[in-house]
Protein backbone atom coordinates (compact mmCIF):
# COMPACT_ATOMS: atom_id res chain seq x y z
CA MET A 1 -11.66 -38.72 9.92
CA ARG A 2 -11.31 -37.59 6.19
CA LEU A 3 -11.11 -33.98 5.65
CA PRO A 4 -13.80 -32.22 3.47
CA SER A 5 -12.75 -31.70 -0.07
CA LEU A 6 -13.19 -27.90 0.23
CA ARG A 7 -10.90 -27.73 3.17
CA ILE A 8 -8.33 -29.69 1.26
CA TYR A 9 -8.65 -27.36 -1.49
CA ALA A 10 -8.22 -24.47 0.89
CA LEU A 11 -5.10 -25.76 2.48
CA ALA A 12 -3.57 -26.52 -0.88
CA TYR A 13 -4.38 -23.00 -2.22
CA LEU A 14 -2.77 -21.45 0.72
CA ALA A 15 0.36 -23.72 0.48
CA PHE A 16 0.77 -22.80 -3.14
CA LEU A 17 0.24 -19.05 -2.38
CA TYR A 18 2.45 -18.76 0.51
CA ALA A 19 5.18 -21.53 0.06
CA PRO A 20 7.43 -19.25 -2.08
CA ILE A 21 7.21 -16.52 0.70
CA LEU A 22 8.18 -19.02 3.24
CA LEU A 23 11.18 -19.95 1.06
CA LEU A 24 12.48 -16.40 1.06
CA PRO A 25 14.16 -16.45 4.47
CA ILE A 26 15.47 -20.08 4.16
CA PHE A 27 17.58 -19.14 1.10
CA ALA A 28 18.47 -15.76 2.48
CA PHE A 29 20.46 -17.56 5.23
CA ASN A 30 21.80 -20.14 2.90
CA ASP A 31 25.47 -20.02 2.27
CA GLY A 32 25.23 -21.10 -1.33
CA THR A 33 24.71 -18.69 -4.26
CA ILE A 34 22.46 -21.25 -6.11
CA ILE A 35 18.79 -21.29 -5.06
CA ALA A 36 18.34 -24.83 -4.72
CA PHE A 37 18.16 -27.70 -2.22
CA PRO A 38 20.15 -29.09 -0.47
CA LEU A 39 21.28 -26.02 1.47
CA LYS A 40 24.93 -25.29 1.80
CA GLY A 41 24.90 -23.93 5.50
CA PHE A 42 23.96 -20.97 7.42
CA THR A 43 25.16 -17.50 6.98
CA GLY A 44 24.14 -13.84 7.39
CA ARG A 45 26.55 -12.47 4.85
CA TRP A 46 23.89 -11.67 2.38
CA PHE A 47 22.27 -9.30 4.79
CA GLU A 48 25.73 -7.76 5.28
CA GLN A 49 26.04 -7.40 1.57
CA MET A 50 22.67 -5.81 1.36
CA PHE A 51 23.18 -3.23 3.95
CA ALA A 52 26.63 -2.32 2.37
CA ASN A 53 25.15 -1.75 -0.99
CA ASP A 54 25.09 2.10 -1.78
CA THR A 55 22.81 1.64 -4.85
CA LEU A 56 20.49 -0.30 -2.83
CA ARG A 57 20.43 2.23 -0.12
CA ASN A 58 19.75 5.02 -2.56
CA ALA A 59 16.81 2.90 -3.98
CA VAL A 60 15.37 2.33 -0.45
CA VAL A 61 15.65 6.13 0.29
CA ASN A 62 13.86 6.96 -2.94
CA SER A 63 11.07 4.40 -2.20
CA LEU A 64 10.45 5.66 1.33
CA ILE A 65 10.27 9.34 0.14
CA ILE A 66 7.76 8.08 -2.55
CA ALA A 67 5.83 5.90 -0.31
CA GLY A 68 5.51 8.52 2.63
CA SER A 69 4.55 11.31 0.16
CA THR A 70 1.91 8.94 -1.52
CA SER A 71 0.47 7.90 1.78
CA VAL A 72 0.06 11.55 2.83
CA PHE A 73 -1.42 12.84 -0.58
CA ALA A 74 -3.68 9.83 -1.25
CA THR A 75 -5.12 9.85 2.19
CA VAL A 76 -5.79 13.77 2.04
CA LEU A 77 -7.76 13.14 -1.32
CA GLY A 78 -9.27 9.98 0.22
CA ILE A 79 -10.68 12.16 3.02
CA PHE A 80 -12.22 14.80 0.78
CA ALA A 81 -13.71 12.16 -1.57
CA ALA A 82 -15.09 9.89 1.11
CA ARG A 83 -16.49 12.86 3.13
CA ALA A 84 -18.16 14.15 0.02
CA GLY A 85 -19.57 10.62 -0.89
CA SER A 86 -20.78 9.66 2.48
CA ARG A 87 -22.24 13.23 3.48
CA PHE A 88 -23.57 15.03 0.44
CA SER A 89 -25.79 14.47 -2.58
CA PHE A 90 -24.87 16.12 -5.83
CA PRO A 91 -25.58 15.83 -9.62
CA GLY A 92 -23.50 12.96 -11.26
CA LYS A 93 -22.27 11.67 -7.71
CA ALA A 94 -22.39 8.04 -8.82
CA PRO A 95 -20.47 8.51 -12.06
CA ILE A 96 -17.91 10.88 -10.43
CA MET A 97 -17.28 8.24 -7.52
CA GLY A 98 -17.09 5.45 -10.02
CA LEU A 99 -14.47 7.46 -12.10
CA ILE A 100 -12.40 8.22 -9.14
CA MET A 101 -12.34 4.38 -8.21
CA LEU A 102 -11.53 3.33 -11.76
CA PRO A 103 -7.74 2.71 -11.19
CA LEU A 104 -8.87 -0.27 -8.90
CA VAL A 105 -9.80 -2.16 -12.01
CA LEU A 106 -7.59 -0.71 -14.69
CA PRO A 107 -4.42 -2.60 -15.67
CA GLU A 108 -1.54 -0.82 -14.28
CA ILE A 109 0.51 -1.25 -17.36
CA ILE A 110 -2.18 0.91 -19.22
CA VAL A 111 -2.19 3.38 -16.45
CA GLY A 112 1.79 3.56 -16.44
CA GLY A 113 1.98 3.93 -20.13
CA SER A 114 -0.75 6.44 -20.36
CA LEU A 115 0.86 8.67 -17.63
CA LEU A 116 4.29 8.28 -19.37
CA LEU A 117 2.88 9.64 -22.64
CA VAL A 118 0.95 12.45 -21.07
CA LEU A 119 3.89 13.68 -18.89
CA LEU A 120 6.42 13.41 -21.90
CA ALA A 121 3.86 15.36 -23.96
CA MET A 122 3.82 18.17 -21.27
CA GLY A 123 7.62 18.24 -21.15
CA VAL A 124 7.77 16.92 -17.58
CA ASN A 125 10.99 15.23 -16.58
CA LEU A 126 10.74 11.88 -15.23
CA SER A 127 11.73 11.79 -11.64
CA ILE A 128 10.49 10.72 -8.01
CA PHE A 129 7.87 13.41 -8.29
CA THR A 130 6.18 11.71 -11.39
CA VAL A 131 6.30 8.34 -9.44
CA ILE A 132 4.47 10.06 -6.66
CA LEU A 133 1.94 11.28 -8.95
CA GLY A 134 1.46 7.75 -10.36
CA HIS A 135 1.29 6.13 -7.08
CA VAL A 136 -1.25 8.58 -5.56
CA LEU A 137 -3.50 7.84 -8.56
CA ILE A 138 -3.19 4.09 -7.78
CA ALA A 139 -3.41 4.33 -4.04
CA THR A 140 -6.32 6.88 -3.62
CA PRO A 141 -9.09 4.50 -4.39
CA TYR A 142 -7.78 2.15 -1.67
CA THR A 143 -7.88 5.06 0.77
CA ILE A 144 -11.58 6.04 -0.15
CA ALA A 145 -12.56 2.59 0.29
CA ILE A 146 -11.22 2.54 3.86
CA LEU A 147 -12.40 6.14 4.77
CA ASN A 148 -15.95 5.48 3.26
CA THR A 149 -16.40 2.81 6.16
CA ALA A 150 -14.99 5.36 8.56
CA PHE A 151 -17.32 8.29 7.62
CA GLY A 152 -20.43 6.01 7.00
CA SER A 153 -20.12 4.77 10.36
CA LEU A 154 -19.92 8.07 12.01
CA ASP A 155 -23.11 9.21 13.81
CA ARG A 156 -24.30 12.44 12.22
CA SER A 157 -26.10 13.61 15.39
CA LEU A 158 -22.72 14.27 16.90
CA GLU A 159 -21.93 16.83 14.13
CA GLU A 160 -25.41 18.25 14.40
CA ALA A 161 -25.09 18.54 18.04
CA ALA A 162 -21.75 20.68 17.53
CA TYR A 163 -23.69 22.92 15.03
CA ASP A 164 -26.34 23.56 17.53
CA LEU A 165 -23.82 24.42 20.13
CA GLY A 166 -22.40 27.16 17.80
CA GLU A 167 -19.48 25.43 16.19
CA GLY A 168 -18.75 26.05 12.47
CA LYS A 169 -18.32 23.50 9.85
CA TRP A 170 -14.47 23.46 10.05
CA SER A 171 -14.22 23.51 13.90
CA THR A 172 -16.78 20.70 13.92
CA PHE A 173 -14.80 18.65 11.44
CA ARG A 174 -11.50 19.44 13.39
CA LEU A 175 -12.78 18.72 16.84
CA ILE A 176 -15.44 16.17 16.35
CA THR A 177 -15.26 14.39 13.01
CA LEU A 178 -11.43 14.23 12.55
CA PRO A 179 -10.71 12.60 15.92
CA LEU A 180 -13.57 9.82 15.38
CA VAL A 181 -12.20 8.84 11.95
CA LEU A 182 -8.68 9.07 12.85
CA PRO A 183 -8.18 5.27 13.07
CA GLY A 184 -9.45 5.10 9.40
CA ILE A 185 -7.09 7.86 8.29
CA ILE A 186 -4.25 5.96 9.95
CA SER A 187 -5.19 2.67 8.46
CA SER A 188 -5.48 4.30 4.96
CA MET A 189 -2.02 5.99 5.23
CA LEU A 190 -0.55 2.48 6.12
CA ILE A 191 -2.09 0.70 3.32
CA ALA A 192 -1.17 3.50 0.77
CA PHE A 193 2.49 3.33 2.05
CA THR A 194 2.41 -0.42 1.56
CA ILE A 195 0.99 -0.19 -1.84
CA SER A 196 3.54 2.39 -2.97
CA LEU A 197 6.48 0.63 -1.36
CA ASP A 198 5.78 -2.55 -3.32
CA GLU A 199 4.41 -1.06 -6.72
CA PHE A 200 6.71 -1.86 -9.61
CA ILE A 201 4.85 -1.06 -12.82
CA ILE A 202 4.21 2.52 -12.33
CA ALA A 203 7.80 3.15 -11.04
CA PHE A 204 9.09 1.23 -14.07
CA PHE A 205 7.43 3.64 -16.55
CA LEU A 206 7.98 6.97 -14.54
CA ALA A 207 11.05 6.79 -12.41
CA GLY A 208 13.62 7.83 -15.16
CA ASN A 209 17.06 7.57 -13.77
CA GLU A 210 15.82 7.41 -9.98
CA PRO A 211 15.65 3.80 -9.05
CA THR A 212 13.16 2.74 -6.61
CA LEU A 213 13.22 -0.54 -4.69
CA PRO A 214 11.14 -2.63 -6.87
CA THR A 215 12.93 -1.61 -10.05
CA TYR A 216 16.22 -2.14 -8.43
CA ILE A 217 15.22 -5.73 -7.55
CA PHE A 218 13.97 -6.32 -10.99
CA SER A 219 17.35 -4.97 -12.50
CA GLN A 220 19.40 -7.49 -10.26
CA LEU A 221 17.53 -10.48 -11.23
CA ARG A 222 19.68 -11.05 -14.27
CA PHE A 223 22.78 -11.44 -12.22
CA PRO A 224 22.92 -14.94 -10.48
CA LYS A 225 25.48 -13.87 -7.71
CA GLN A 226 22.95 -11.12 -6.47
CA ILE A 227 20.02 -13.63 -6.18
CA PRO A 228 20.80 -14.43 -2.46
CA MET A 229 21.04 -10.89 -1.59
CA ILE A 230 17.57 -10.26 -3.21
CA MET A 231 16.18 -13.12 -1.21
CA ALA A 232 17.61 -11.32 1.97
CA LEU A 233 15.91 -8.06 0.78
CA GLY A 234 12.82 -9.73 0.01
CA SER A 235 12.55 -11.28 3.41
CA CYS A 236 13.00 -7.89 4.91
CA LEU A 237 10.18 -6.34 2.70
CA VAL A 238 7.81 -9.21 3.62
CA ALA A 239 8.39 -8.61 7.34
CA LEU A 240 7.86 -4.89 6.81
CA SER A 241 4.56 -5.57 4.90
CA ILE A 242 3.35 -7.84 7.69
CA VAL A 243 4.17 -5.26 10.31
CA LEU A 244 2.32 -2.42 8.39
CA LEU A 245 -0.71 -4.41 7.64
CA THR A 246 -1.03 -5.69 11.16
CA ILE A 247 -0.81 -2.14 12.56
CA ALA A 248 -3.50 -1.10 9.91
CA GLU A 249 -5.82 -3.84 10.92
CA TYR A 250 -5.28 -3.17 14.60
CA VAL A 251 -6.21 0.50 14.20
CA ARG A 252 -8.95 -0.30 11.92
CA ARG A 253 -10.53 -2.57 14.45
CA ARG A 254 -9.94 -0.20 17.35
CA GLY A 255 -11.77 2.41 15.38
CA LEU A 256 -14.63 0.19 14.74
CA LYS A 257 -14.80 -0.47 18.43
CA LYS A 258 -14.71 3.16 19.29
CA THR A 259 -17.60 4.12 17.05
CA GLY A 260 -19.63 0.80 17.64
CA ALA A 261 -19.77 -0.21 14.05
CA LYS A 262 -20.10 -3.57 12.74
CA ASP A 263 -17.03 -5.22 11.57
CA SER A 264 -17.70 -6.52 7.88
CA GLY A 265 -14.29 -7.70 7.29
CA GLY A 266 -10.74 -6.30 7.21
CA PHE A 267 -7.23 -6.64 5.80
CA LEU A 268 -6.07 -9.70 7.93
């Protein structure tokens, strides 16, 4: 039986998209330094070289600090924006929310260049802190998109019942709202962490002398003997990204099931 043309196209598209990723672990365990077939043999020395590299370890630590800070700050800002957008009406609401979500469609090279000019004009030294600022700007719209669903699916009668029983706004948010939207908060933190960990352009403009993992990888691509180690590193990053996205999707679906909301699509 012949496959429909649309299915063939979909399979070809997926193969084109994911074949390079599938090749990463193959060449990461290849004994040769040239990325080509036939393979020379099986080895784990590129992973040993990766773990023994002090510069790489420093870049990993920097990226983890940046990604962790970004996930916290972007999620906090996302909670404020999603709460305001889903619960309150105020003048200029649509333009303000559109402006907040604008980094989703702006080219990152424009955002990175603009931030660099502004920070240098203000006399701010480039460091991990400036990269965190840029990553928060990029990641916040993603957290808002996730948290809008979490707050939008929340039954308002639960909050109204808490008010009737004498609770204030803060105690109602802390005791009622926050536990119900917690799965969305966790999902947004994981997504922001993944986005920050993989982001290159903003870090390239704003990192200064502090290398991050993506900028370190880019700097090593000009050295052919370092390519197998980069393949090993890429395999680890792909595995980490898949794990984080899987956890985020699990938490998202669990939150929807808890609130009884309809699933309109997710990350995976």
